[in-house]
PDB file of N, CA and C in Angstrom:
ATOM      1  N   MET A   1      13.185  36.076 -35.062  1.00  0.00           N
ATOM      2  CA  MET A   1      13.870  34.993 -36.373  1.00  0.00           C
ATOM      3  C   MET A   1      14.551  34.423 -36.234  1.00  0.00           C
ATOM      4  N   ILE A   2      16.114  34.846 -35.018  1.00  0.00           N
ATOM      5  CA  ILE A   2      17.038  33.867 -34.823  1.00  0.00           C
ATOM      6  C   ILE A   2      16.823  32.907 -34.160  1.00  0.00           C
ATOM      7  N   GLY A   3      15.900  33.053 -32.652  1.00  0.00           N
ATOM      8  CA  GLY A   3      15.578  32.442 -32.184  1.00  0.00           C
ATOM      9  C   GLY A   3      14.640  31.058 -32.551  1.00  0.00           C
ATOM     10  N   SER A   4      13.875  31.629 -33.386  1.00  0.00           N
ATOM     11  CA  SER A   4      13.396  30.203 -33.544  1.00  0.00           C
ATOM     12  C   SER A   4      14.437  29.578 -34.480  1.00  0.00           C
ATOM     13  N   ARG A   5      15.295  29.885 -35.375  1.00  0.00           N
ATOM     14  CA  ARG A   5      16.496  29.084 -35.778  1.00  0.00           C
ATOM     15  C   ARG A   5      16.980  28.145 -34.762  1.00  0.00           C
ATOM     16  N   VAL A   6      17.371  28.788 -33.845  1.00  0.00           N
ATOM     17  CA  VAL A   6      17.947  28.076 -32.416  1.00  0.00           C
ATOM     18  C   VAL A   6      17.254  26.518 -32.254  1.00  0.00           C
ATOM     19  N   ARG A   7      15.790  27.298 -31.796  1.00  0.00           N
ATOM     20  CA  ARG A   7      14.511  26.289 -31.265  1.00  0.00           C
ATOM     21  C   ARG A   7      14.157  25.488 -32.403  1.00  0.00           C
ATOM     22  N   GLY A   8      15.007  25.429 -33.172  1.00  0.00           N
ATOM     23  CA  GLY A   8      14.742  24.134 -34.470  1.00  0.00           C
ATOM     24  C   GLY A   8      16.080  23.498 -34.732  1.00  0.00           C
ATOM     25  N   ALA A   9      16.927  23.819 -34.414  1.00  0.00           N
ATOM     26  CA  ALA A   9      17.764  23.497 -34.906  1.00  0.00           C
ATOM     27  C   ALA A   9      18.545  22.177 -33.594  1.00  0.00           C
ATOM     28  N   TRP A  10      17.424  22.974 -32.335  1.00  0.00           N
ATOM     29  CA  TRP A  10      17.968  22.299 -30.657  1.00  0.00           C
ATOM     30  C   TRP A  10      17.114  19.877 -31.699  1.00  0.00           C
ATOM     31  N   PRO A  11      16.332  20.123 -32.007  1.00  0.00           N
ATOM     32  CA  PRO A  11      16.224  18.539 -32.184  1.00  0.00           C
ATOM     33  C   PRO A  11      17.193  17.823 -32.743  1.00  0.00           C
ATOM     34  N   LEU A  12      17.898  19.061 -34.025  1.00  0.00           N
ATOM     35  CA  LEU A  12      18.754  18.342 -34.887  1.00  0.00           C
ATOM     36  C   LEU A  12      19.457  17.500 -34.220  1.00  0.00           C
ATOM     37  N   SER A  13      19.859  18.985 -33.269  1.00  0.00           N
ATOM     38  CA  SER A  13      21.301  18.241 -32.616  1.00  0.00           C
ATOM     39  C   SER A  13      21.653  17.307 -31.737  1.00  0.00           C
ATOM     40  N   LEU A  14      20.281  17.254 -30.956  1.00  0.00           N
ATOM     41  CA  LEU A  14      19.972  15.588 -29.602  1.00  0.00           C
ATOM     42  C   LEU A  14      19.561  14.973 -31.064  1.00  0.00           C
ATOM     43  N   ALA A  15      19.266  14.409 -32.140  1.00  0.00           N
ATOM     44  CA  ALA A  15      19.235  13.455 -32.872  1.00  0.00           C
ATOM     45  C   ALA A  15      21.128  12.893 -33.472  1.00  0.00           C
ATOM     46  N   LEU A  16      21.712  13.804 -33.711  1.00  0.00           N
ATOM     47  CA  LEU A  16      23.242  13.603 -33.661  1.00  0.00           C
ATOM     48  C   LEU A  16      23.993  13.270 -33.040  1.00  0.00           C
ATOM     49  N   LEU A  17      23.457  13.916 -31.832  1.00  0.00           N
ATOM     50  CA  LEU A  17      24.227  13.309 -30.876  1.00  0.00           C
ATOM     51  C   LEU A  17      23.513  11.706 -30.451  1.00  0.00           C
ATOM     52  N   ALA A  18      22.257  11.377 -30.196  1.00  0.00           N
ATOM     53  CA  ALA A  18      21.801  10.333 -30.416  1.00  0.00           C
ATOM     54  C   ALA A  18      22.194   9.261 -31.707  1.00  0.00           C
ATOM     55  N   GLY A  19      22.830   9.417 -32.297  1.00  0.00           N
ATOM     56  CA  GLY A  19      22.852   8.851 -33.591  1.00  0.00           C
ATOM     57  C   GLY A  19      24.698   8.361 -32.820  1.00  0.00           C
ATOM     58  N   ALA A  20      25.216   9.400 -33.053  1.00  0.00           N
ATOM     59  CA  ALA A  20      26.823   9.573 -32.460  1.00  0.00           C
ATOM     60  C   ALA A  20      26.875   8.140 -31.471  1.00  0.00           C
ATOM     61  N   SER A  21      25.842   8.381 -29.859  1.00  0.00           N
ATOM     62  CA  SER A  21      26.340   7.397 -28.944  1.00  0.00           C
ATOM     63  C   SER A  21      25.627   6.217 -30.082  1.00  0.00           C
ATOM     64  N   TRP A  22      24.717   5.983 -30.907  1.00  0.00           N
ATOM     65  CA  TRP A  22      24.072   4.430 -31.057  1.00  0.00           C
ATOM     66  C   TRP A  22      25.290   3.735 -32.215  1.00  0.00           C
ATOM     67  N   ALA A  23      26.044   4.692 -32.624  1.00  0.00           N
ATOM     68  CA  ALA A  23      27.345   4.270 -33.588  1.00  0.00           C
ATOM     69  C   ALA A  23      28.352   3.521 -32.592  1.00  0.00           C
ATOM     70  N   GLN A  24      28.563   3.519 -31.347  1.00  0.00           N
ATOM     71  CA  GLN A  24      29.364   3.328 -30.284  1.00  0.00           C
ATOM     72  C   GLN A  24      29.256   2.208 -29.537  1.00  0.00           C
ATOM     73  N   ASP A  25      27.821   1.904 -29.694  1.00  0.00           N
ATOM     74  CA  ASP A  25      26.791   1.202 -28.664  1.00  0.00           C
ATOM     75  C   ASP A  25      27.088  -0.353 -29.170  1.00  0.00           C
ATOM     76  N   PRO A  26      27.852  -1.268 -28.595  1.00  0.00           N
ATOM     77  CA  PRO A  26      28.026  -2.911 -29.217  1.00  0.00           C
ATOM     78  C   PRO A  26      26.918  -3.627 -29.145  1.00  0.00           C
ATOM     79  N   LYS A  27      25.511  -2.731 -28.386  1.00  0.00           N
ATOM     80  CA  LYS A  27      24.270  -3.770 -28.398  1.00  0.00           C
ATOM     81  C   LYS A  27      23.725  -3.846 -29.655  1.00  0.00           C
ATOM     82  N   VAL A  28      23.963  -2.391 -30.445  1.00  0.00           N
ATOM     83  CA  VAL A  28      23.494  -1.985 -31.370  1.00  0.00           C
ATOM     84  C   VAL A  28      24.570  -2.284 -32.741  1.00  0.00           C
ATOM     85  N   ASP A  29      25.331  -2.744 -32.715  1.00  0.00           N
ATOM     86  CA  ASP A  29      26.427  -2.650 -33.525  1.00  0.00           C
ATOM     87  C   ASP A  29      27.358  -4.067 -33.242  1.00  0.00           C
ATOM     88  N   PRO A  30      26.268  -4.966 -33.576  1.00  0.00           N
ATOM     89  CA  PRO A  30      27.413  -6.684 -32.957  1.00  0.00           C
ATOM     90  C   PRO A  30      28.831  -6.531 -33.987  1.00  0.00           C
ATOM     91  N   HIS A  31      29.174  -5.778 -34.862  1.00  0.00           N
ATOM     92  CA  HIS A  31      30.025  -6.053 -35.102  1.00  0.00           C
ATOM     93  C   HIS A  31      31.309  -5.277 -34.743  1.00  0.00           C
ATOM     94  N   LEU A  32      30.787  -4.389 -34.175  1.00  0.00           N
ATOM     95  CA  LEU A  32      31.641  -2.681 -33.262  1.00  0.00           C
ATOM     96  C   LEU A  32      33.516  -3.763 -32.802  1.00  0.00           C
ATOM     97  N   ALA A  33      33.204  -5.113 -31.850  1.00  0.00           N
ATOM     98  CA  ALA A  33      34.257  -5.899 -32.224  1.00  0.00           C
ATOM     99  C   ALA A  33      35.198  -6.388 -32.610  1.00  0.00           C
ATOM    100  N   ARG A  34      34.706  -6.308 -33.406  1.00  0.00           N
ATOM    101  CA  ARG A  34      35.294  -7.286 -34.894  1.00  0.00           C
ATOM    102  C   ARG A  34      36.220  -5.782 -35.327  1.00  0.00           C
ATOM    103  N   ASN A  35      35.119  -4.831 -35.462  1.00  0.00           N
ATOM    104  CA  ASN A  35      35.675  -4.054 -36.659  1.00  0.00           C
ATOM    105  C   ASN A  35      36.928  -3.058 -35.715  1.00  0.00           C
ATOM    106  N   LEU A  36      37.137  -2.903 -34.117  1.00  0.00           N
ATOM    107  CA  LEU A  36      37.833  -2.475 -33.528  1.00  0.00           C
ATOM    108  C   LEU A  36      39.340  -3.268 -33.567  1.00  0.00           C
ATOM    109  N   ALA A  37      38.862  -4.412 -33.721  1.00  0.00           N
ATOM    110  CA  ALA A  37      40.112  -5.947 -34.149  1.00  0.00           C
ATOM    111  C   ALA A  37      40.625  -5.727 -34.637  1.00  0.00           C
ATOM    112  N   ALA A  38      40.007  -5.506 -35.855  1.00  0.00           N
ATOM    113  CA  ALA A  38      40.535  -5.538 -37.354  1.00  0.00           C
ATOM    114  C   ALA A  38      41.853  -4.543 -37.247  1.00  0.00           C
ATOM    115  N   THR A  39      42.178  -3.436 -36.813  1.00  0.00           N
ATOM    116  CA  THR A  39      43.821  -2.926 -36.334  1.00  0.00           C
ATOM    117  C   THR A  39      44.870  -3.663 -36.369  1.00  0.00           C
ATOM    118  N   CYS A  40      44.592  -5.102 -35.420  1.00  0.00           N
ATOM    119  CA  CYS A  40      45.274  -5.495 -34.690  1.00  0.00           C
ATOM    120  C   CYS A  40      45.936  -6.939 -36.176  1.00  0.00           C
ATOM    121  N   ALA A  41      45.565  -7.034 -37.513  1.00  0.00           N
ATOM    122  CA  ALA A  41      45.205  -8.142 -38.454  1.00  0.00           C
ATOM    123  C   ALA A  41      47.142  -7.966 -38.557  1.00  0.00           C
ATOM    124  N   ASN A  42      47.399  -6.314 -39.030  1.00  0.00           N
ATOM    125  CA  ASN A  42      48.679  -6.493 -39.364  1.00  0.00           C
ATOM    126  C   ASN A  42      49.789  -7.390 -38.989  1.00  0.00           C
ATOM    127  N   CYS A  43      49.824  -6.987 -37.457  1.00  0.00           N
ATOM    128  CA  CYS A  43      50.815  -7.929 -36.828  1.00  0.00           C
ATOM    129  C   CYS A  43      50.316  -9.213 -36.583  1.00  0.00           C
ATOM    130  N   HIS A  44      49.287  -9.598 -35.859  1.00  0.00           N
ATOM    131  CA  HIS A  44      48.726 -10.391 -35.247  1.00  0.00           C
ATOM    132  C   HIS A  44      47.917 -11.308 -35.891  1.00  0.00           C
ATOM    133  N   GLY A  45      48.039 -11.256 -37.402  1.00  0.00           N
ATOM    134  CA  GLY A  45      46.923 -12.235 -38.331  1.00  0.00           C
ATOM    135  C   GLY A  45      45.696 -11.654 -38.156  1.00  0.00           C
ATOM    136  N   THR A  46      44.993 -11.883 -39.167  1.00  0.00           N
ATOM    137  CA  THR A  46      43.201 -12.168 -39.775  1.00  0.00           C
ATOM    138  C   THR A  46      42.557 -12.261 -38.455  1.00  0.00           C
ATOM    139  N   ALA A  47      43.137 -13.651 -37.828  1.00  0.00           N
ATOM    140  CA  ALA A  47      41.975 -14.282 -37.067  1.00  0.00           C
ATOM    141  C   ALA A  47      43.017 -14.464 -35.681  1.00  0.00           C
ATOM    142  N   GLY A  48      43.511 -13.154 -35.093  1.00  0.00           N
ATOM    143  CA  GLY A  48      44.027 -13.086 -34.223  1.00  0.00           C
ATOM    144  C   GLY A  48      45.585 -14.514 -34.156  1.00  0.00           C
ATOM    145  N   VAL A  49      45.621 -15.097 -35.154  1.00  0.00           N
ATOM    146  CA  VAL A  49      46.694 -16.084 -35.273  1.00  0.00           C
ATOM    147  C   VAL A  49      47.999 -15.769 -35.647  1.00  0.00           C
ATOM    148  N   ALA A  50      49.110 -15.357 -35.083  1.00  0.00           N
ATOM    149  CA  ALA A  50      49.957 -14.513 -35.446  1.00  0.00           C
ATOM    150  C   ALA A  50      51.165 -15.899 -36.138  1.00  0.00           C
ATOM    151  N   LYS A  51      51.833 -14.903 -37.274  1.00  0.00           N
ATOM    152  CA  LYS A  51      53.283 -15.248 -37.812  1.00  0.00           C
ATOM    153  C   LYS A  51      54.253 -15.576 -37.482  1.00  0.00           C
ATOM    154  N   GLY A  52      55.358 -15.423 -37.576  1.00  0.00           N
ATOM    155  CA  GLY A  52      57.168 -15.563 -36.871  1.00  0.00           C
ATOM    156  C   GLY A  52      56.954 -15.042 -35.301  1.00  0.00           C
ATOM    157  N   GLU A  53      57.508 -13.931 -35.336  1.00  0.00           N
ATOM    158  CA  GLU A  53      57.508 -13.918 -33.818  1.00  0.00           C
ATOM    159  C   GLU A  53      56.427 -12.784 -33.363  1.00  0.00           C
ATOM    160  N   MET A  54      55.410 -12.675 -33.592  1.00  0.00           N
ATOM    161  CA  MET A  54      54.392 -12.032 -33.287  1.00  0.00           C
ATOM    162  C   MET A  54      53.926 -12.494 -32.170  1.00  0.00           C
ATOM    163  N   LYS A  55      52.837 -12.256 -31.147  1.00  0.00           N
ATOM    164  CA  LYS A  55      52.461 -12.943 -30.294  1.00  0.00           C
ATOM    165  C   LYS A  55      50.941 -13.220 -31.137  1.00  0.00           C
ATOM    166  N   THR A  56      50.132 -14.543 -30.402  1.00  0.00           N
ATOM    167  CA  THR A  56      49.228 -14.624 -31.297  1.00  0.00           C
ATOM    168  C   THR A  56      47.841 -14.339 -29.950  1.00  0.00           C
ATOM    169  N   LEU A  57      46.810 -14.039 -30.652  1.00  0.00           N
ATOM    170  CA  LEU A  57      45.855 -13.212 -29.619  1.00  0.00           C
ATOM    171  C   LEU A  57      44.991 -14.015 -29.442  1.00  0.00           C
ATOM    172  N   ALA A  58      44.630 -14.729 -30.239  1.00  0.00           N
ATOM    173  CA  ALA A  58      43.035 -16.062 -30.526  1.00  0.00           C
ATOM    174  C   ALA A  58      43.453 -16.733 -29.367  1.00  0.00           C
ATOM    175  N   GLY A  59      42.040 -16.706 -28.552  1.00  0.00           N
ATOM    176  CA  GLY A  59      42.114 -18.062 -27.578  1.00  0.00           C
ATOM    177  C   GLY A  59      42.784 -17.844 -26.460  1.00  0.00           C
ATOM    178  N   ARG A  60      43.344 -16.743 -25.909  1.00  0.00           N
ATOM    179  CA  ARG A  60      44.080 -15.702 -24.812  1.00  0.00           C
ATOM    180  C   ARG A  60      42.674 -15.524 -23.307  1.00  0.00           C
ATOM    181  N   LYS A  61      43.170 -15.861 -22.622  1.00  0.00           N
ATOM    182  CA  LYS A  61      42.592 -15.520 -21.423  1.00  0.00           C
ATOM    183  C   LYS A  61      42.381 -13.773 -21.582  1.00  0.00           C
ATOM    184  N   GLU A  62      40.915 -13.396 -21.433  1.00  0.00           N
ATOM    185  CA  GLU A  62      40.802 -12.190 -21.335  1.00  0.00           C
ATOM    186  C   GLU A  62      41.532 -11.723 -20.358  1.00  0.00           C
ATOM    187  N   ASP A  63      41.579 -11.633 -19.061  1.00  0.00           N
ATOM    188  CA  ASP A  63      42.854 -11.230 -18.470  1.00  0.00           C
ATOM    189  C   ASP A  63      44.047 -11.194 -18.254  1.00  0.00           C
ATOM    190  N   GLU A  64      44.340 -11.942 -19.126  1.00  0.00           N
ATOM    191  CA  GLU A  64      45.561 -11.864 -19.657  1.00  0.00           C
ATOM    192  C   GLU A  64      46.150 -10.960 -20.827  1.00  0.00           C
ATOM    193  N   LEU A  65      44.989 -11.033 -21.835  1.00  0.00           N
ATOM    194  CA  LEU A  65      44.914  -9.538 -22.392  1.00  0.00           C
ATOM    195  C   LEU A  65      45.155  -8.227 -21.903  1.00  0.00           C
ATOM    196  N   LEU A  66      43.808  -8.419 -21.092  1.00  0.00           N
ATOM    197  CA  LEU A  66      43.864  -6.865 -20.403  1.00  0.00           C
ATOM    198  C   LEU A  66      44.855  -6.433 -19.681  1.00  0.00           C
ATOM    199  N   LYS A  67      45.510  -6.898 -18.828  1.00  0.00           N
ATOM    200  CA  LYS A  67      46.805  -7.180 -18.507  1.00  0.00           C
ATOM    201  C   LYS A  67      47.864  -6.676 -19.472  1.00  0.00           C
ATOM    202  N   LEU A  68      48.001  -7.264 -20.460  1.00  0.00           N
ATOM    203  CA  LEU A  68      49.537  -6.953 -21.461  1.00  0.00           C
ATOM    204  C   LEU A  68      48.875  -6.020 -21.837  1.00  0.00           C
ATOM    205  N   LEU A  69      47.881  -5.113 -22.359  1.00  0.00           N
ATOM    206  CA  LEU A  69      47.398  -3.696 -22.728  1.00  0.00           C
ATOM    207  C   LEU A  69      47.354  -2.871 -21.881  1.00  0.00           C
ATOM    208  N   ALA A  70      47.374  -2.956 -20.144  1.00  0.00           N
ATOM    209  CA  ALA A  70      47.527  -2.110 -19.317  1.00  0.00           C
ATOM    210  C   ALA A  70      48.938  -1.763 -19.074  1.00  0.00           C
ATOM    211  N   ASP A  71      49.631  -3.095 -19.479  1.00  0.00           N
ATOM    212  CA  ASP A  71      51.200  -2.963 -19.453  1.00  0.00           C
ATOM    213  C   ASP A  71      51.873  -2.063 -20.626  1.00  0.00           C
ATOM    214  N   PHE A  72      51.395  -1.964 -21.483  1.00  0.00           N
ATOM    215  CA  PHE A  72      51.763  -1.268 -22.704  1.00  0.00           C
ATOM    216  C   PHE A  72      51.488  -0.116 -22.110  1.00  0.00           C
ATOM    217  N   ARG A  73      49.653   0.522 -21.974  1.00  0.00           N
ATOM    218  CA  ARG A  73      49.754   1.878 -21.791  1.00  0.00           C
ATOM    219  C   ARG A  73      50.447   2.495 -20.787  1.00  0.00           C
ATOM    220  N   SER A  74      50.717   1.746 -19.956  1.00  0.00           N
ATOM    221  CA  SER A  74      51.286   2.470 -18.551  1.00  0.00           C
ATOM    222  C   SER A  74      53.030   2.608 -18.794  1.00  0.00           C
ATOM    223  N   GLY A  75      53.409   1.992 -20.272  1.00  0.00           N
ATOM    224  CA  GLY A  75      55.153   2.072 -20.106  1.00  0.00           C
ATOM    225  C   GLY A  75      55.935   0.672 -19.253  1.00  0.00           C
ATOM    226  N   ALA A  76      55.148  -0.296 -18.864  1.00  0.00           N
ATOM    227  CA  ALA A  76      55.541  -1.065 -17.959  1.00  0.00           C
ATOM    228  C   ALA A  76      56.011  -2.833 -18.772  1.00  0.00           C
ATOM    229  N   GLN A  77      55.554  -2.375 -19.982  1.00  0.00           N
ATOM    230  CA  GLN A  77      55.877  -3.490 -20.896  1.00  0.00           C
ATOM    231  C   GLN A  77      56.207  -3.067 -22.009  1.00  0.00           C
ATOM    232  N   PRO A  78      57.580  -2.783 -22.767  1.00  0.00           N
ATOM    233  CA  PRO A  78      58.763  -2.092 -23.263  1.00  0.00           C
ATOM    234  C   PRO A  78      57.989  -2.536 -24.902  1.00  0.00           C
ATOM    235  N   ALA A  79      57.814  -1.377 -25.661  1.00  0.00           N
ATOM    236  CA  ALA A  79      57.200  -1.891 -26.838  1.00  0.00           C
ATOM    237  C   ALA A  79      57.555  -0.642 -28.338  1.00  0.00           C
ATOM    238  N   THR A  80      57.611  -1.352 -29.491  1.00  0.00           N
ATOM    239  CA  THR A  80      57.746  -0.549 -30.128  1.00  0.00           C
ATOM    240  C   THR A  80      56.959   0.886 -30.608  1.00  0.00           C
ATOM    241  N   ILE A  81      55.504  -0.233 -30.860  1.00  0.00           N
ATOM    242  CA  ILE A  81      54.443   0.458 -31.289  1.00  0.00           C
ATOM    243  C   ILE A  81      53.171   0.336 -30.139  1.00  0.00           C
ATOM    244  N   MET A  82      52.908  -0.693 -29.961  1.00  0.00           N
ATOM    245  CA  MET A  82      51.792  -1.222 -28.818  1.00  0.00           C
ATOM    246  C   MET A  82      50.851  -0.048 -27.592  1.00  0.00           C
ATOM    247  N   HIS A  83      52.310   0.240 -26.920  1.00  0.00           N
ATOM    248  CA  HIS A  83      51.986   1.725 -26.266  1.00  0.00           C
ATOM    249  C   HIS A  83      51.341   2.511 -26.655  1.00  0.00           C
ATOM    250  N   GLN A  84      51.470   3.122 -28.391  1.00  0.00           N
ATOM    251  CA  GLN A  84      50.850   4.333 -28.976  1.00  0.00           C
ATOM    252  C   GLN A  84      48.831   3.512 -29.053  1.00  0.00           C
ATOM    253  N   ILE A  85      49.355   2.652 -29.217  1.00  0.00           N
ATOM    254  CA  ILE A  85      47.561   2.036 -29.604  1.00  0.00           C
ATOM    255  C   ILE A  85      47.101   1.809 -28.808  1.00  0.00           C
ATOM    256  N   ALA A  86      47.262   1.031 -27.398  1.00  0.00           N
ATOM    257  CA  ALA A  86      46.527   1.263 -26.838  1.00  0.00           C
ATOM    258  C   ALA A  86      45.987   2.171 -25.887  1.00  0.00           C
ATOM    259  N   LYS A  87      46.685   3.261 -26.220  1.00  0.00           N
ATOM    260  CA  LYS A  87      46.728   4.561 -25.242  1.00  0.00           C
ATOM    261  C   LYS A  87      45.401   4.902 -26.391  1.00  0.00           C
ATOM    262  N   GLY A  88      45.087   4.349 -28.002  1.00  0.00           N
ATOM    263  CA  GLY A  88      44.519   5.357 -28.485  1.00  0.00           C
ATOM    264  C   GLY A  88      43.116   4.720 -28.178  1.00  0.00           C
ATOM    265  N   TYR A  89      43.000   3.553 -27.338  1.00  0.00           N
ATOM    266  CA  TYR A  89      41.295   3.280 -27.211  1.00  0.00           C
ATOM    267  C   TYR A  89      40.852   3.688 -26.278  1.00  0.00           C
ATOM    268  N   SER A  90      39.307   3.365 -25.564  1.00  0.00           N
ATOM    269  CA  SER A  90      39.064   3.726 -24.620  1.00  0.00           C
ATOM    270  C   SER A  90      39.044   2.065 -23.523  1.00  0.00           C
ATOM    271  N   GLU A  91      38.985   2.024 -22.593  1.00  0.00           N
ATOM    272  CA  GLU A  91      39.035   1.079 -21.668  1.00  0.00           C
ATOM    273  C   GLU A  91      37.814   0.038 -22.303  1.00  0.00           C
ATOM    274  N   GLU A  92      36.376   0.894 -22.510  1.00  0.00           N
ATOM    275  CA  GLU A  92      35.313  -0.042 -22.625  1.00  0.00           C
ATOM    276  C   GLU A  92      35.581  -0.639 -24.757  1.00  0.00           C
ATOM    277  N   GLN A  93      36.790  -0.197 -25.375  1.00  0.00           N
ATOM    278  CA  GLN A  93      37.075  -0.089 -26.620  1.00  0.00           C
ATOM    279  C   GLN A  93      37.842  -1.885 -26.180  1.00  0.00           C
ATOM    280  N   LEU A  94      38.832  -1.492 -25.352  1.00  0.00           N
ATOM    281  CA  LEU A  94      40.268  -2.222 -25.587  1.00  0.00           C
ATOM    282  C   LEU A  94      39.286  -3.791 -24.818  1.00  0.00           C
ATOM    283  N   LYS A  95      38.174  -3.767 -23.967  1.00  0.00           N
ATOM    284  CA  LYS A  95      37.681  -4.748 -23.025  1.00  0.00           C
ATOM    285  C   LYS A  95      37.099  -5.646 -24.649  1.00  0.00           C
ATOM    286  N   LEU A  96      36.058  -4.832 -25.150  1.00  0.00           N
ATOM    287  CA  LEU A  96      35.575  -5.218 -26.472  1.00  0.00           C
ATOM    288  C   LEU A  96      36.686  -6.368 -27.477  1.00  0.00           C
ATOM    289  N   VAL A  97      37.872  -5.823 -27.800  1.00  0.00           N
ATOM    290  CA  VAL A  97      38.732  -6.205 -28.588  1.00  0.00           C
ATOM    291  C   VAL A  97      39.256  -7.709 -27.574  1.00  0.00           C
ATOM    292  N   VAL A  98      39.570  -7.587 -26.702  1.00  0.00           N
ATOM    293  CA  VAL A  98      39.878  -8.745 -25.624  1.00  0.00           C
ATOM    294  C   VAL A  98      38.852  -9.480 -25.751  1.00  0.00           C
ATOM    295  N   LYS A  99      37.913  -9.233 -25.582  1.00  0.00           N
ATOM    296  CA  LYS A  99      36.403 -10.382 -25.520  1.00  0.00           C
ATOM    297  C   LYS A  99      36.536 -11.455 -27.066  1.00  0.00           C
ATOM    298  N   HIS A 100      36.694 -10.234 -27.941  1.00  0.00           N
ATOM    299  CA  HIS A 100      36.773 -10.930 -29.592  1.00  0.00           C
ATOM    300  C   HIS A 100      37.614 -11.524 -29.570  1.00  0.00           C
ATOM    301  N   PHE A 101      38.927 -11.441 -28.900  1.00  0.00           N
ATOM    302  CA  PHE A 101      39.742 -12.550 -29.302  1.00  0.00           C
ATOM    303  C   PHE A 101      40.210 -13.597 -28.585  1.00  0.00           C
ATOM    304  N   ALA A 102      39.380 -13.489 -27.455  1.00  0.00           N
ATOM    305  CA  ALA A 102      39.332 -14.511 -26.092  1.00  0.00           C
ATOM    306  C   ALA A 102      38.531 -15.501 -26.191  1.00  0.00           C
ATOM    307  N   ALA A 103      37.607 -15.318 -27.805  1.00  0.00           N
ATOM    308  CA  ALA A 103      36.839 -16.159 -27.996  1.00  0.00           C
ATOM    309  C   ALA A 103      36.856 -16.615 -29.544  1.00  0.00           C
ATOM    310  N   LEU A 104      37.783 -16.011 -29.656  1.00  0.00           N
ATOM    311  CA  LEU A 104      38.674 -17.023 -31.135  1.00  0.00           C
ATOM    312  C   LEU A 104      39.292 -17.963 -30.644  1.00  0.00           C
ATOM    313  N   PRO A 105      39.156 -19.317 -31.926  1.00  0.00           N
ATOM    314  CA  PRO A 105      39.879 -20.430 -31.621  1.00  0.00           C
ATOM    315  C   PRO A 105      41.583 -19.965 -31.850  1.00  0.00           C
ATOM    316  N   ALA A 106      42.301 -20.948 -30.673  1.00  0.00           N
ATOM    317  CA  ALA A 106      44.141 -20.578 -31.180  1.00  0.00           C
ATOM    318  C   ALA A 106      44.100 -20.560 -31.839  1.00  0.00           C
ATOM    319  N   LYS A 107      43.942 -21.823 -33.109  1.00  0.00           N
ATOM    320  CA  LYS A 107      44.259 -22.127 -34.166  1.00  0.00           C
ATOM    321  C   LYS A 107      43.364 -22.399 -34.780  1.00  0.00           C
ATOM    322  N   PRO A 108      43.149 -21.688 -35.911  1.00  0.00           N
ATOM    323  CA  PRO A 108      42.023 -21.377 -37.365  1.00  0.00           C
ATOM    324  C   PRO A 108      41.504 -22.852 -37.766  1.00  0.00           C
TER     325      PRO A 108
END
């Protein structure tokens, strides 16, 4: 009886795992990069164009942004909060965010 329940749960478990990986696949979710980048809006502007002293992200080179994020993660770049934010994303997610901002016009 218990064995049949376990066997019956196996396909459901596999389907749930496949669904979880599907939700993170940028090929399946064309808005993933934009959605991840939305967390940057409070400081860097909704279109990556900051006001005040904050740095604008829109239109900057991908390698430049990746280097900045790597420096925040390692502590080489002093920060109040960016070192914590940068550590909260995977390398793949950071690349998606950087690609998103690099594709935006520097001035909307």
